[in-house]
Amino acid sequence: MPTLTGIDHVAITVSDLGASSAFYERLFGFGPIGSLDGDGLSRRLFRLPSGTNIGLTQHERGAGGRFDPFTPGLDHVGFAVEGLDELRAWAAHLDAVGFANSGLVEADYGTALSVKDPDGVALEFFVAA
């Protein structure tokens, strides 16, 4: 069986690249490392400290509407956080930048903190139990 080394990137379709890029810049505290414009789309690429890339893509012929986690496909994007203190720091950061969030939610398998991007895509910061 071939092996995998991790997730290289997650690509998220957005309805307004400018608004989404601004949101993710405020969320991450840094801007995109690259862009691609042409062939019916515009894309901005953010690289996390772990090396995982988050791509935001706006298509010229977008269908419109908001993200729906109840439609088959992506439910949310989960970011690993190292420890509860770091998760609390993320909660404080989300509050400081004015992003509505779930607060810390505990489950038997770990603790999560969620926020939604401008299109309603849920982003989760997570510490495993």
Protein backbone atom coordinates (compact mmCIF):
# COMPACT_ATOMS: atom_id res chain seq x y z
CA MET A 1 0.00 0.00 0.00
CA PRO A 2 1.41 3.45 -0.86
CA THR A 3 1.82 5.85 2.06
CA LEU A 4 0.68 9.41 2.70
CA THR A 5 2.71 11.99 4.58
CA GLY A 6 -0.13 14.39 5.43
CA ILE A 7 -2.44 16.91 3.82
CA ASP A 8 -0.62 19.33 1.50
CA HIS A 9 -3.47 21.74 0.83
CA VAL A 10 -7.15 22.46 1.19
CA ALA A 11 -8.84 24.51 -1.56
CA ILE A 12 -11.93 26.51 -0.61
CA THR A 13 -14.21 28.10 -3.21
CA VAL A 14 -15.25 31.59 -2.14
CA SER A 15 -17.81 34.08 -3.45
CA ASP A 16 -15.72 37.23 -2.85
CA LEU A 17 -11.95 36.71 -2.97
CA GLY A 18 -11.19 40.16 -1.56
CA ALA A 19 -13.42 39.72 1.49
CA SER A 20 -12.25 36.15 2.09
CA SER A 21 -8.57 37.04 1.71
CA ALA A 22 -9.01 39.87 4.24
CA PHE A 23 -10.75 37.48 6.66
CA TYR A 24 -8.03 34.83 6.43
CA GLU A 25 -5.29 37.47 6.76
CA ARG A 26 -6.87 38.67 10.01
CA LEU A 27 -7.43 35.09 11.16
CA PHE A 28 -3.89 33.85 10.46
CA GLY A 29 -2.03 37.11 11.06
CA PHE A 30 -0.22 36.92 7.70
CA GLY A 31 -1.00 37.39 4.02
CA PRO A 32 -1.01 35.02 1.07
CA ILE A 33 2.28 33.67 -0.28
CA GLY A 34 1.10 33.57 -3.87
CA SER A 35 -1.70 34.11 -6.34
CA LEU A 36 -2.99 32.80 -9.64
CA ASP A 37 -5.32 34.71 -11.93
CA GLY A 38 -6.67 33.39 -15.22
CA ASP A 39 -8.64 30.59 -16.88
CA GLY A 40 -11.87 31.67 -15.21
CA LEU A 41 -10.58 31.87 -11.65
CA SER A 42 -8.57 33.87 -9.16
CA ARG A 43 -6.74 32.16 -6.30
CA ARG A 44 -4.77 33.22 -3.21
CA LEU A 45 -2.58 30.74 -1.34
CA PHE A 46 -1.83 30.90 2.39
CA ARG A 47 0.86 28.65 3.89
CA LEU A 48 0.47 27.62 7.53
CA PRO A 49 3.56 27.23 9.75
CA SER A 50 3.05 23.44 9.47
CA GLY A 51 3.53 23.66 5.69
CA THR A 52 -0.11 22.95 4.86
CA ASN A 53 -1.53 25.32 2.26
CA ILE A 54 -4.98 26.90 2.29
CA GLY A 55 -6.12 28.02 -1.16
CA LEU A 56 -8.99 30.45 -1.69
CA THR A 57 -10.50 30.34 -5.18
CA GLN A 58 -13.13 32.56 -6.76
CA HIS A 59 -14.53 31.21 -10.03
CA GLU A 60 -15.92 33.55 -12.69
CA ARG A 61 -18.99 31.38 -13.07
CA GLY A 62 -19.63 30.81 -9.37
CA ALA A 63 -22.98 29.36 -8.40
CA GLY A 64 -23.50 31.84 -5.57
CA GLY A 65 -25.09 31.04 -2.25
CA ARG A 66 -23.50 30.11 1.05
CA PHE A 67 -21.65 26.99 2.09
CA ASP A 68 -23.95 24.22 3.36
CA PRO A 69 -22.39 21.62 5.68
CA PHE A 70 -25.45 19.39 5.21
CA THR A 71 -24.75 18.91 1.50
CA PRO A 72 -22.39 16.00 0.75
CA GLY A 73 -18.81 17.23 0.63
CA LEU A 74 -16.73 19.24 3.06
CA ASP A 75 -18.11 19.72 6.57
CA HIS A 76 -15.33 21.85 8.07
CA VAL A 77 -11.57 22.38 8.09
CA GLY A 78 -9.82 21.41 11.33
CA PHE A 79 -6.52 22.99 12.41
CA ALA A 80 -4.37 21.18 14.98
CA VAL A 81 -3.41 23.27 18.00
CA GLU A 82 -0.76 22.28 20.53
CA GLY A 83 -2.46 22.24 23.93
CA LEU A 84 -5.34 23.95 25.70
CA ASP A 85 -3.33 27.09 26.45
CA GLU A 86 -2.79 27.59 22.73
CA LEU A 87 -6.49 26.94 22.07
CA ARG A 88 -7.38 29.58 24.66
CA ALA A 89 -4.96 31.96 22.92
CA TRP A 90 -6.83 31.34 19.65
CA ALA A 91 -10.13 32.08 21.40
CA ALA A 92 -8.68 35.38 22.68
CA HIS A 93 -7.38 36.19 19.17
CA LEU A 94 -10.77 35.52 17.56
CA ASP A 95 -12.42 37.77 20.15
CA ALA A 96 -9.78 40.48 19.62
CA VAL A 97 -10.33 40.59 15.85
CA GLY A 98 -14.11 40.56 16.33
CA PHE A 99 -14.90 37.13 14.88
CA ALA A 100 -17.95 35.43 16.40
CA ASN A 101 -16.94 31.96 17.58
CA SER A 102 -18.19 28.91 19.45
CA GLY A 103 -16.02 29.29 22.52
CA LEU A 104 -14.26 26.15 23.72
CA VAL A 105 -16.39 23.04 23.20
CA GLU A 106 -15.28 19.92 25.03
CA ALA A 107 -15.95 16.35 23.93
CA ASP A 108 -14.51 13.04 25.10
CA TYR A 109 -12.14 13.03 22.08
CA GLY A 110 -10.86 16.62 22.43
CA THR A 111 -11.65 20.32 22.67
CA ALA A 112 -12.65 22.51 19.73
CA LEU A 113 -13.10 26.18 18.92
CA SER A 114 -15.00 27.09 15.75
CA VAL A 115 -15.43 30.17 13.58
CA LYS A 116 -17.06 30.63 10.16
CA ASP A 117 -15.50 32.39 7.19
CA PRO A 118 -17.48 34.93 5.10
CA ASP A 119 -19.09 32.13 3.04
CA GLY A 120 -20.05 30.10 6.11
CA VAL A 121 -17.25 27.51 5.89
CA ALA A 122 -16.60 26.27 9.43
CA LEU A 123 -12.99 26.42 10.60
CA GLU A 124 -12.15 24.48 13.74
CA PHE A 125 -9.12 24.79 16.01
CA PHE A 126 -8.71 21.46 17.80
CA VAL A 127 -6.76 19.80 20.60
CA ALA A 128 -7.09 16.01 20.85
CA ALA A 129 -7.81 14.50 24.27
